[in-house]
Amino acid sequence: MFDRILRLVLVVALTGTLSQPVWAAAYDDEKPGAFTMVGDLVVARPVGVVITAVGAVAWVVALPFSALGGNVEGSAEALVLGPARETFQRCLGCRMTGRYQDPNEMN
């Protein structure tokens, strides 16, 4: 069972890594297209959830050392909060974190 899960995670990670140039070519600076949104939904978001979960576990394991070093906030930002923002607060298909803002409607 563990072997199958490990294979699935590796396949998803490899697929996301290899398809990155295709996403970059299909990206339009003004508005993300359907291909970019589907790729984000199917590959990037699940990988982001996994990275956030692994980062949370790593943060808990490193917490005593971070507390002794005085950088609990920094380690939380790097390991948990940053990946969580990229996964859950970024608009579908966008590169930057935050809600989608139409460039034509901005001042």
PDB file of N, CA and C in Angstrom:
ATOM      1  N   MET A   1       0.827  -1.191   0.000  1.00  0.00           N
ATOM      2  CA  MET A   1       0.000   0.000   0.000  1.00  0.00           C
ATOM      3  C   MET A   1       0.877   1.263   0.000  1.00  0.00           C
ATOM      4  N   PHE A   2       1.856   1.300   0.894  1.00  0.00           N
ATOM      5  CA  PHE A   2       2.748   2.460   0.970  1.00  0.00           C
ATOM      6  C   PHE A   2       3.520   2.632  -0.330  1.00  0.00           C
ATOM      7  N   ASP A   3       3.884   1.512  -0.952  1.00  0.00           N
ATOM      8  CA  ASP A   3       4.629   1.543  -2.202  1.00  0.00           C
ATOM      9  C   ASP A   3       3.798   2.188  -3.311  1.00  0.00           C
ATOM     10  N   ARG A   4       2.509   1.902  -3.346  1.00  0.00           N
ATOM     11  CA  ARG A   4       1.633   2.495  -4.369  1.00  0.00           C
ATOM     12  C   ARG A   4       1.482   4.003  -4.154  1.00  0.00           C
ATOM     13  N   ILE A   5       1.341   4.421  -2.901  1.00  0.00           N
ATOM     14  CA  ILE A   5       1.202   5.845  -2.603  1.00  0.00           C
ATOM     15  C   ILE A   5       2.481   6.582  -2.976  1.00  0.00           C
ATOM     16  N   LEU A   6       3.617   6.005  -2.643  1.00  0.00           N
ATOM     17  CA  LEU A   6       4.897   6.614  -2.982  1.00  0.00           C
ATOM     18  C   LEU A   6       5.054   6.759  -4.491  1.00  0.00           C
ATOM     19  N   ARG A   7       4.680   5.731  -5.239  1.00  0.00           N
ATOM     20  CA  ARG A   7       4.750   5.802  -6.698  1.00  0.00           C
ATOM     21  C   ARG A   7       3.840   6.899  -7.240  1.00  0.00           C
ATOM     22  N   LEU A   8       2.629   6.999  -6.694  1.00  0.00           N
ATOM     23  CA  LEU A   8       1.691   8.022  -7.143  1.00  0.00           C
ATOM     24  C   LEU A   8       2.241   9.427  -6.895  1.00  0.00           C
ATOM     25  N   VAL A   9       2.795   9.651  -5.707  1.00  0.00           N
ATOM     26  CA  VAL A   9       3.373  10.962  -5.392  1.00  0.00           C
ATOM     27  C   VAL A   9       4.537  11.264  -6.330  1.00  0.00           C
ATOM     28  N   LEU A  10       5.378  10.290  -6.607  1.00  0.00           N
ATOM     29  CA  LEU A  10       6.504  10.509  -7.507  1.00  0.00           C
ATOM     30  C   LEU A  10       6.042  10.806  -8.928  1.00  0.00           C
ATOM     31  N   VAL A  11       5.018  10.106  -9.397  1.00  0.00           N
ATOM     32  CA  VAL A  11       4.498  10.346 -10.744  1.00  0.00           C
ATOM     33  C   VAL A  11       3.908  11.751 -10.846  1.00  0.00           C
ATOM     34  N   VAL A  12       3.149  12.170  -9.826  1.00  0.00           N
ATOM     35  CA  VAL A  12       2.557  13.509  -9.842  1.00  0.00           C
ATOM     36  C   VAL A  12       3.647  14.569  -9.819  1.00  0.00           C
ATOM     37  N   ALA A  13       4.655  14.380  -8.977  1.00  0.00           N
ATOM     38  CA  ALA A  13       5.742  15.357  -8.892  1.00  0.00           C
ATOM     39  C   ALA A  13       6.524  15.418 -10.204  1.00  0.00           C
ATOM     40  N   LEU A  14       6.801  14.275 -10.789  1.00  0.00           N
ATOM     41  CA  LEU A  14       7.540  14.237 -12.054  1.00  0.00           C
ATOM     42  C   LEU A  14       6.725  14.862 -13.178  1.00  0.00           C
ATOM     43  N   THR A  15       5.433  14.582 -13.209  1.00  0.00           N
ATOM     44  CA  THR A  15       4.566  15.167 -14.233  1.00  0.00           C
ATOM     45  C   THR A  15       4.527  16.682 -14.103  1.00  0.00           C
ATOM     46  N   GLY A  16       4.412  17.168 -12.887  1.00  0.00           N
ATOM     47  CA  GLY A  16       4.403  18.609 -12.678  1.00  0.00           C
ATOM     48  C   GLY A  16       5.705  19.262 -13.083  1.00  0.00           C
ATOM     49  N   THR A  17       6.805  18.594 -12.817  1.00  0.00           N
ATOM     50  CA  THR A  17       8.112  19.134 -13.170  1.00  0.00           C
ATOM     51  C   THR A  17       8.323  19.155 -14.676  1.00  0.00           C
ATOM     52  N   LEU A  18       7.945  18.081 -15.340  1.00  0.00           N
ATOM     53  CA  LEU A  18       8.171  17.998 -16.778  1.00  0.00           C
ATOM     54  C   LEU A  18       7.214  18.861 -17.583  1.00  0.00           C
ATOM     55  N   SER A  19       6.026  19.120 -17.065  1.00  0.00           N
ATOM     56  CA  SER A  19       5.054  19.898 -17.834  1.00  0.00           C
ATOM     57  C   SER A  19       5.161  21.394 -17.557  1.00  0.00           C
ATOM     58  N   GLN A  20       6.055  21.824 -16.710  1.00  0.00           N
ATOM     59  CA  GLN A  20       6.206  23.239 -16.382  1.00  0.00           C
ATOM     60  C   GLN A  20       6.496  24.105 -17.604  1.00  0.00           C
ATOM     61  N   PRO A  21       7.394  23.722 -18.523  1.00  0.00           N
ATOM     62  CA  PRO A  21       7.620  24.570 -19.699  1.00  0.00           C
ATOM     63  C   PRO A  21       6.368  24.730 -20.564  1.00  0.00           C
ATOM     64  N   VAL A  22       5.529  23.701 -20.629  1.00  0.00           N
ATOM     65  CA  VAL A  22       4.294  23.785 -21.402  1.00  0.00           C
ATOM     66  C   VAL A  22       3.359  24.813 -20.779  1.00  0.00           C
ATOM     67  N   TRP A  23       3.271  24.828 -19.458  1.00  0.00           N
ATOM     68  CA  TRP A  23       2.419  25.807 -18.782  1.00  0.00           C
ATOM     69  C   TRP A  23       2.921  27.210 -19.038  1.00  0.00           C
ATOM     70  N   ALA A  24       4.219  27.395 -18.997  1.00  0.00           N
ATOM     71  CA  ALA A  24       4.779  28.732 -19.189  1.00  0.00           C
ATOM     72  C   ALA A  24       4.490  29.236 -20.598  1.00  0.00           C
ATOM     73  N   ALA A  25       4.530  28.359 -21.590  1.00  0.00           N
ATOM     74  CA  ALA A  25       4.264  28.768 -22.959  1.00  0.00           C
ATOM     75  C   ALA A  25       2.792  29.111 -23.161  1.00  0.00           C
ATOM     76  N   ALA A  26       1.901  28.441 -22.435  1.00  0.00           N
ATOM     77  CA  ALA A  26       0.469  28.662 -22.606  1.00  0.00           C
ATOM     78  C   ALA A  26      -0.052  29.809 -21.756  1.00  0.00           C
ATOM     79  N   TYR A  27       0.801  30.403 -20.941  1.00  0.00           N
ATOM     80  CA  TYR A  27       0.348  31.440 -20.016  1.00  0.00           C
ATOM     81  C   TYR A  27       0.219  32.784 -20.726  1.00  0.00           C
ATOM     82  N   ASP A  28      -0.898  33.437 -20.515  1.00  0.00           N
ATOM     83  CA  ASP A  28      -1.136  34.782 -21.036  1.00  0.00           C
ATOM     84  C   ASP A  28      -1.081  35.726 -19.848  1.00  0.00           C
ATOM     85  N   ASP A  29      -0.298  36.793 -19.946  1.00  0.00           N
ATOM     86  CA  ASP A  29      -0.117  37.702 -18.816  1.00  0.00           C
ATOM     87  C   ASP A  29      -1.408  38.369 -18.378  1.00  0.00           C
ATOM     88  N   GLU A  30      -2.352  38.565 -19.294  1.00  0.00           N
ATOM     89  CA  GLU A  30      -3.564  39.268 -18.925  1.00  0.00           C
ATOM     90  C   GLU A  30      -4.566  38.368 -18.208  1.00  0.00           C
ATOM     91  N   LYS A  31      -4.816  37.189 -18.729  1.00  0.00           N
ATOM     92  CA  LYS A  31      -5.822  36.308 -18.144  1.00  0.00           C
ATOM     93  C   LYS A  31      -5.411  34.862 -18.386  1.00  0.00           C
ATOM     94  N   PRO A  32      -5.403  34.022 -17.344  1.00  0.00           N
ATOM     95  CA  PRO A  32      -5.028  32.624 -17.546  1.00  0.00           C
ATOM     96  C   PRO A  32      -6.051  31.915 -18.426  1.00  0.00           C
ATOM     97  N   GLY A  33      -5.559  31.045 -19.296  1.00  0.00           N
ATOM     98  CA  GLY A  33      -6.430  30.301 -20.191  1.00  0.00           C
ATOM     99  C   GLY A  33      -6.922  29.007 -19.559  1.00  0.00           C
ATOM    100  N   ALA A  34      -7.764  28.312 -20.290  1.00  0.00           N
ATOM    101  CA  ALA A  34      -8.358  27.070 -19.791  1.00  0.00           C
ATOM    102  C   ALA A  34      -7.287  26.006 -19.550  1.00  0.00           C
ATOM    103  N   PHE A  35      -6.321  25.893 -20.457  1.00  0.00           N
ATOM    104  CA  PHE A  35      -5.268  24.889 -20.308  1.00  0.00           C
ATOM    105  C   PHE A  35      -4.453  25.144 -19.038  1.00  0.00           C
ATOM    106  N   THR A  36      -4.149  26.389 -18.795  1.00  0.00           N
ATOM    107  CA  THR A  36      -3.388  26.757 -17.604  1.00  0.00           C
ATOM    108  C   THR A  36      -4.191  26.470 -16.339  1.00  0.00           C
ATOM    109  N   MET A  37      -5.472  26.772 -16.357  1.00  0.00           N
ATOM    110  CA  MET A  37      -6.319  26.524 -15.191  1.00  0.00           C
ATOM    111  C   MET A  37      -6.457  25.031 -14.898  1.00  0.00           C
ATOM    112  N   VAL A  38      -6.637  24.226 -15.947  1.00  0.00           N
ATOM    113  CA  VAL A  38      -6.763  22.778 -15.747  1.00  0.00           C
ATOM    114  C   VAL A  38      -5.449  22.206 -15.223  1.00  0.00           C
ATOM    115  N   GLY A  39      -4.335  22.642 -15.779  1.00  0.00           N
ATOM    116  CA  GLY A  39      -3.038  22.164 -15.286  1.00  0.00           C
ATOM    117  C   GLY A  39      -2.814  22.547 -13.835  1.00  0.00           C
ATOM    118  N   ASP A  40      -3.225  23.753 -13.481  1.00  0.00           N
ATOM    119  CA  ASP A  40      -3.098  24.203 -12.100  1.00  0.00           C
ATOM    120  C   ASP A  40      -3.969  23.361 -11.180  1.00  0.00           C
ATOM    121  N   LEU A  41      -5.205  23.107 -11.601  1.00  0.00           N
ATOM    122  CA  LEU A  41      -6.140  22.344 -10.778  1.00  0.00           C
ATOM    123  C   LEU A  41      -5.724  20.889 -10.624  1.00  0.00           C
ATOM    124  N   VAL A  42      -5.263  20.274 -11.700  1.00  0.00           N
ATOM    125  CA  VAL A  42      -4.982  18.839 -11.689  1.00  0.00           C
ATOM    126  C   VAL A  42      -3.599  18.519 -11.129  1.00  0.00           C
ATOM    127  N   VAL A  43      -2.618  19.377 -11.380  1.00  0.00           N
ATOM    128  CA  VAL A  43      -1.247  19.049 -10.978  1.00  0.00           C
ATOM    129  C   VAL A  43      -0.746  19.945  -9.849  1.00  0.00           C
ATOM    130  N   ALA A  44      -0.785  21.251 -10.051  1.00  0.00           N
ATOM    131  CA  ALA A  44      -0.139  22.162  -9.104  1.00  0.00           C
ATOM    132  C   ALA A  44      -0.824  22.195  -7.747  1.00  0.00           C
ATOM    133  N   ARG A  45      -2.138  22.211  -7.710  1.00  0.00           N
ATOM    134  CA  ARG A  45      -2.830  22.292  -6.417  1.00  0.00           C
ATOM    135  C   ARG A  45      -2.630  21.034  -5.578  1.00  0.00           C
ATOM    136  N   PRO A  46      -2.788  19.821  -6.144  1.00  0.00           N
ATOM    137  CA  PRO A  46      -2.505  18.635  -5.317  1.00  0.00           C
ATOM    138  C   PRO A  46      -1.056  18.571  -4.826  1.00  0.00           C
ATOM    139  N   VAL A  47      -0.114  18.971  -5.683  1.00  0.00           N
ATOM    140  CA  VAL A  47       1.283  18.998  -5.260  1.00  0.00           C
ATOM    141  C   VAL A  47       1.464  20.032  -4.149  1.00  0.00           C
ATOM    142  N   GLY A  48       0.791  21.167  -4.252  1.00  0.00           N
ATOM    143  CA  GLY A  48       0.855  22.186  -3.207  1.00  0.00           C
ATOM    144  C   GLY A  48       0.300  21.709  -1.882  1.00  0.00           C
ATOM    145  N   VAL A  49      -0.779  20.930  -1.932  1.00  0.00           N
ATOM    146  CA  VAL A  49      -1.344  20.374  -0.698  1.00  0.00           C
ATOM    147  C   VAL A  49      -0.353  19.421  -0.049  1.00  0.00           C
ATOM    148  N   VAL A  50       0.283  18.582  -0.859  1.00  0.00           N
ATOM    149  CA  VAL A  50       1.272  17.635  -0.328  1.00  0.00           C
ATOM    150  C   VAL A  50       2.468  18.389   0.257  1.00  0.00           C
ATOM    151  N   ILE A  51       2.940  19.404  -0.438  1.00  0.00           N
ATOM    152  CA  ILE A  51       4.083  20.181   0.058  1.00  0.00           C
ATOM    153  C   ILE A  51       3.726  20.895   1.360  1.00  0.00           C
ATOM    154  N   THR A  52       2.503  21.417   1.448  1.00  0.00           N
ATOM    155  CA  THR A  52       2.067  22.077   2.678  1.00  0.00           C
ATOM    156  C   THR A  52       2.016  21.085   3.837  1.00  0.00           C
ATOM    157  N   ALA A  53       1.478  19.890   3.589  1.00  0.00           N
ATOM    158  CA  ALA A  53       1.390  18.876   4.645  1.00  0.00           C
ATOM    159  C   ALA A  53       2.777  18.409   5.085  1.00  0.00           C
ATOM    160  N   VAL A  54       3.656  18.161   4.136  1.00  0.00           N
ATOM    161  CA  VAL A  54       5.024  17.738   4.480  1.00  0.00           C
ATOM    162  C   VAL A  54       5.754  18.854   5.217  1.00  0.00           C
ATOM    163  N   GLY A  55       5.543  20.095   4.790  1.00  0.00           N
ATOM    164  CA  GLY A  55       6.151  21.228   5.478  1.00  0.00           C
ATOM    165  C   GLY A  55       5.644  21.382   6.896  1.00  0.00           C
ATOM    166  N   ALA A  56       4.344  21.108   7.115  1.00  0.00           N
ATOM    167  CA  ALA A  56       3.791  21.187   8.472  1.00  0.00           C
ATOM    168  C   ALA A  56       4.425  20.140   9.379  1.00  0.00           C
ATOM    169  N   VAL A  57       4.595  18.938   8.855  1.00  0.00           N
ATOM    170  CA  VAL A  57       5.244  17.886   9.650  1.00  0.00           C
ATOM    171  C   VAL A  57       6.693  18.258   9.945  1.00  0.00           C
ATOM    172  N   ALA A  58       7.395  18.765   8.933  1.00  0.00           N
ATOM    173  CA  ALA A  58       8.787  19.175   9.137  1.00  0.00           C
ATOM    174  C   ALA A  58       8.879  20.324  10.132  1.00  0.00           C
ATOM    175  N   TRP A  59       7.921  21.241  10.094  1.00  0.00           N
ATOM    176  CA  TRP A  59       7.923  22.370  11.035  1.00  0.00           C
ATOM    177  C   TRP A  59       7.736  21.880  12.467  1.00  0.00           C
ATOM    178  N   VAL A  60       6.831  20.930  12.666  1.00  0.00           N
ATOM    179  CA  VAL A  60       6.613  20.392  14.018  1.00  0.00           C
ATOM    180  C   VAL A  60       7.865  19.678  14.513  1.00  0.00           C
ATOM    181  N   VAL A  61       8.504  18.912  13.633  1.00  0.00           N
ATOM    182  CA  VAL A  61       9.728  18.203  14.026  1.00  0.00           C
ATOM    183  C   VAL A  61      10.842  19.200  14.359  1.00  0.00           C
ATOM    184  N   ALA A  62      10.933  20.280  13.589  1.00  0.00           N
ATOM    185  CA  ALA A  62      12.000  21.262  13.800  1.00  0.00           C
ATOM    186  C   ALA A  62      11.654  22.312  14.841  1.00  0.00           C
ATOM    187  N   LEU A  63      10.447  22.282  15.385  1.00  0.00           N
ATOM    188  CA  LEU A  63       9.999  23.329  16.301  1.00  0.00           C
ATOM    189  C   LEU A  63      10.902  23.515  17.524  1.00  0.00           C
ATOM    190  N   PRO A  64      11.350  22.453  18.188  1.00  0.00           N
ATOM    191  CA  PRO A  64      12.238  22.686  19.335  1.00  0.00           C
ATOM    192  C   PRO A  64      13.532  23.413  18.955  1.00  0.00           C
ATOM    193  N   PHE A  65      14.078  23.064  17.805  1.00  0.00           N
ATOM    194  CA  PHE A  65      15.318  23.697  17.360  1.00  0.00           C
ATOM    195  C   PHE A  65      15.075  25.135  16.920  1.00  0.00           C
ATOM    196  N   SER A  66      13.942  25.372  16.278  1.00  0.00           N
ATOM    197  CA  SER A  66      13.586  26.736  15.868  1.00  0.00           C
ATOM    198  C   SER A  66      13.343  27.618  17.080  1.00  0.00           C
ATOM    199  N   ALA A  67      12.696  27.046  18.095  1.00  0.00           N
ATOM    200  CA  ALA A  67      12.431  27.817  19.314  1.00  0.00           C
ATOM    201  C   ALA A  67      13.737  28.178  20.010  1.00  0.00           C
ATOM    202  N   LEU A  68      14.679  27.242  20.059  1.00  0.00           N
ATOM    203  CA  LEU A  68      15.971  27.535  20.676  1.00  0.00           C
ATOM    204  C   LEU A  68      16.742  28.581  19.871  1.00  0.00           C
ATOM    205  N   GLY A  69      16.581  28.561  18.552  1.00  0.00           N
ATOM    206  CA  GLY A  69      17.278  29.524  17.706  1.00  0.00           C
ATOM    207  C   GLY A  69      16.543  30.849  17.558  1.00  0.00           C
ATOM    208  N   GLY A  70      15.304  30.901  18.027  1.00  0.00           N
ATOM    209  CA  GLY A  70      14.545  32.135  17.978  1.00  0.00           C
ATOM    210  C   GLY A  70      13.947  32.472  16.624  1.00  0.00           C
ATOM    211  N   ASN A  71      13.738  31.478  15.775  1.00  0.00           N
ATOM    212  CA  ASN A  71      13.150  31.768  14.462  1.00  0.00           C
ATOM    213  C   ASN A  71      11.933  30.891  14.171  1.00  0.00           C
ATOM    214  N   VAL A  72      11.020  30.820  15.120  1.00  0.00           N
ATOM    215  CA  VAL A  72       9.803  30.026  14.937  1.00  0.00           C
ATOM    216  C   VAL A  72       8.957  30.627  13.811  1.00  0.00           C
ATOM    217  N   GLU A  73       8.802  31.958  13.801  1.00  0.00           N
ATOM    218  CA  GLU A  73       7.985  32.600  12.771  1.00  0.00           C
ATOM    219  C   GLU A  73       8.586  32.406  11.380  1.00  0.00           C
ATOM    220  N   GLY A  74       9.892  32.524  11.282  1.00  0.00           N
ATOM    221  CA  GLY A  74      10.555  32.349   9.985  1.00  0.00           C
ATOM    222  C   GLY A  74      10.412  30.942   9.443  1.00  0.00           C
ATOM    223  N   SER A  75      10.570  29.955  10.322  1.00  0.00           N
ATOM    224  CA  SER A  75      10.423  28.577   9.860  1.00  0.00           C
ATOM    225  C   SER A  75       8.973  28.268   9.518  1.00  0.00           C
ATOM    226  N   ALA A  76       8.027  28.820  10.268  1.00  0.00           N
ATOM    227  CA  ALA A  76       6.609  28.613   9.954  1.00  0.00           C
ATOM    228  C   ALA A  76       6.271  29.229   8.602  1.00  0.00           C
ATOM    229  N   GLU A  77       6.806  30.409   8.337  1.00  0.00           N
ATOM    230  CA  GLU A  77       6.556  31.079   7.060  1.00  0.00           C
ATOM    231  C   GLU A  77       7.107  30.260   5.894  1.00  0.00           C
ATOM    232  N   ALA A  78       8.332  29.779   6.043  1.00  0.00           N
ATOM    233  CA  ALA A  78       8.984  29.057   4.950  1.00  0.00           C
ATOM    234  C   ALA A  78       8.400  27.669   4.729  1.00  0.00           C
ATOM    235  N   LEU A  79       8.072  26.972   5.804  1.00  0.00           N
ATOM    236  CA  LEU A  79       7.659  25.580   5.674  1.00  0.00           C
ATOM    237  C   LEU A  79       6.151  25.372   5.537  1.00  0.00           C
ATOM    238  N   VAL A  80       5.335  26.257   6.116  1.00  0.00           N
ATOM    239  CA  VAL A  80       3.892  26.025   6.128  1.00  0.00           C
ATOM    240  C   VAL A  80       3.117  27.165   5.463  1.00  0.00           C
ATOM    241  N   LEU A  81       3.298  28.376   5.930  1.00  0.00           N
ATOM    242  CA  LEU A  81       2.452  29.481   5.491  1.00  0.00           C
ATOM    243  C   LEU A  81       2.664  29.857   4.022  1.00  0.00           C
ATOM    244  N   GLY A  82       3.898  29.891   3.574  1.00  0.00           N
ATOM    245  CA  GLY A  82       4.172  30.215   2.168  1.00  0.00           C
ATOM    246  C   GLY A  82       3.564  29.204   1.205  1.00  0.00           C
ATOM    247  N   PRO A  83       3.830  27.898   1.394  1.00  0.00           N
ATOM    248  CA  PRO A  83       3.196  26.919   0.518  1.00  0.00           C
ATOM    249  C   PRO A  83       1.663  26.907   0.621  1.00  0.00           C
ATOM    250  N   ALA A  84       1.132  27.158   1.817  1.00  0.00           N
ATOM    251  CA  ALA A  84      -0.326  27.189   1.974  1.00  0.00           C
ATOM    252  C   ALA A  84      -0.925  28.363   1.197  1.00  0.00           C
ATOM    253  N   ARG A  85      -0.274  29.521   1.230  1.00  0.00           N
ATOM    254  CA  ARG A  85      -0.760  30.670   0.459  1.00  0.00           C
ATOM    255  C   ARG A  85      -0.730  30.379  -1.038  1.00  0.00           C
ATOM    256  N   GLU A  86       0.351  29.785  -1.506  1.00  0.00           N
ATOM    257  CA  GLU A  86       0.453  29.461  -2.928  1.00  0.00           C
ATOM    258  C   GLU A  86      -0.585  28.427  -3.350  1.00  0.00           C
ATOM    259  N   THR A  87      -0.970  27.558  -2.438  1.00  0.00           N
ATOM    260  CA  THR A  87      -1.945  26.519  -2.763  1.00  0.00           C
ATOM    261  C   THR A  87      -3.373  27.020  -2.673  1.00  0.00           C
ATOM    262  N   PHE A  88      -3.707  27.756  -1.620  1.00  0.00           N
ATOM    263  CA  PHE A  88      -5.105  28.064  -1.344  1.00  0.00           C
ATOM    264  C   PHE A  88      -5.518  29.506  -1.627  1.00  0.00           C
ATOM    265  N   GLN A  89      -4.600  30.451  -1.735  1.00  0.00           N
ATOM    266  CA  GLN A  89      -4.975  31.841  -1.929  1.00  0.00           C
ATOM    267  C   GLN A  89      -4.668  32.366  -3.325  1.00  0.00           C
ATOM    268  N   ARG A  90      -4.091  31.570  -4.164  1.00  0.00           N
ATOM    269  CA  ARG A  90      -3.756  31.991  -5.516  1.00  0.00           C
ATOM    270  C   ARG A  90      -4.929  31.674  -6.438  1.00  0.00           C
ATOM    271  N   CYS A  91      -5.273  32.589  -7.341  1.00  0.00           N
ATOM    272  CA  CYS A  91      -6.373  32.321  -8.261  1.00  0.00           C
ATOM    273  C   CYS A  91      -5.971  31.186  -9.213  1.00  0.00           C
ATOM    274  N   LEU A  92      -6.956  30.494  -9.715  1.00  0.00           N
ATOM    275  CA  LEU A  92      -6.717  29.322 -10.545  1.00  0.00           C
ATOM    276  C   LEU A  92      -6.010  29.718 -11.840  1.00  0.00           C
ATOM    277  N   GLY A  93      -4.813  29.205 -12.030  1.00  0.00           N
ATOM    278  CA  GLY A  93      -4.034  29.496 -13.227  1.00  0.00           C
ATOM    279  C   GLY A  93      -3.116  30.697 -13.105  1.00  0.00           C
ATOM    280  N   CYS A  94      -3.209  31.451 -12.026  1.00  0.00           N
ATOM    281  CA  CYS A  94      -2.370  32.638 -11.841  1.00  0.00           C
ATOM    282  C   CYS A  94      -1.006  32.253 -11.280  1.00  0.00           C
ATOM    283  N   ARG A  95      -0.038  33.107 -11.524  1.00  0.00           N
ATOM    284  CA  ARG A  95       1.305  32.872 -10.993  1.00  0.00           C
ATOM    285  C   ARG A  95       1.519  33.532  -9.647  1.00  0.00           C
ATOM    286  N   MET A  96       0.822  34.626  -9.389  1.00  0.00           N
ATOM    287  CA  MET A  96       1.040  35.379  -8.160  1.00  0.00           C
ATOM    288  C   MET A  96      -0.069  35.076  -7.157  1.00  0.00           C
ATOM    289  N   THR A  97       0.278  35.105  -5.894  1.00  0.00           N
ATOM    290  CA  THR A  97      -0.687  34.854  -4.840  1.00  0.00           C
ATOM    291  C   THR A  97      -1.679  35.996  -4.754  1.00  0.00           C
ATOM    292  N   GLY A  98      -2.924  35.657  -4.510  1.00  0.00           N
ATOM    293  CA  GLY A  98      -3.972  36.661  -4.362  1.00  0.00           C
ATOM    294  C   GLY A  98      -5.097  36.431  -5.339  1.00  0.00           C
ATOM    295  N   ARG A  99      -6.108  37.234  -5.243  1.00  0.00           N
ATOM    296  CA  ARG A  99      -7.258  37.136  -6.127  1.00  0.00           C
ATOM    297  C   ARG A  99      -6.909  37.684  -7.495  1.00  0.00           C
ATOM    298  N   TYR A 100      -7.600  37.175  -8.505  1.00  0.00           N
ATOM    299  CA  TYR A 100      -7.376  37.653  -9.868  1.00  0.00           C
ATOM    300  C   TYR A 100      -7.898  39.075 -10.020  1.00  0.00           C
ATOM    301  N   GLN A 101      -7.083  39.920 -10.598  1.00  0.00           N
ATOM    302  CA  GLN A 101      -7.482  41.299 -10.901  1.00  0.00           C
ATOM    303  C   GLN A 101      -7.252  41.536 -12.377  1.00  0.00           C
ATOM    304  N   ASP A 102      -8.302  41.913 -13.056  1.00  0.00           N
ATOM    305  CA  ASP A 102      -8.211  42.171 -14.491  1.00  0.00           C
ATOM    306  C   ASP A 102      -7.328  43.409 -14.709  1.00  0.00           C
ATOM    307  N   PRO A 103      -6.249  43.288 -15.493  1.00  0.00           N
ATOM    308  CA  PRO A 103      -5.356  44.429 -15.717  1.00  0.00           C
ATOM    309  C   PRO A 103      -6.077  45.613 -16.368  1.00  0.00           C
ATOM    310  N   ASN A 104      -7.130  45.360 -17.131  1.00  0.00           N
ATOM    311  CA  ASN A 104      -7.854  46.436 -17.803  1.00  0.00           C
ATOM    312  C   ASN A 104      -8.703  47.237 -16.828  1.00  0.00           C
ATOM    313  N   GLU A 105      -9.070  46.629 -15.683  1.00  0.00           N
ATOM    314  CA  GLU A 105      -9.903  47.309 -14.714  1.00  0.00           C
ATOM    315  C   GLU A 105      -9.092  48.015 -13.638  1.00  0.00           C
ATOM    316  N   MET A 106      -7.785  47.806 -13.629  1.00  0.00           N
ATOM    317  CA  MET A 106      -6.930  48.452 -12.626  1.00  0.00           C
ATOM    318  C   MET A 106      -6.675  49.896 -13.019  1.00  0.00           C
ATOM    319  N   ASN A 107      -6.361  50.736 -12.053  1.00  0.00           N
ATOM    320  CA  ASN A 107      -6.102  52.157 -12.331  1.00  0.00           C
ATOM    321  C   ASN A 107      -4.887  52.348 -13.180  1.00  0.00           C
TER     322      ASN A 107
END
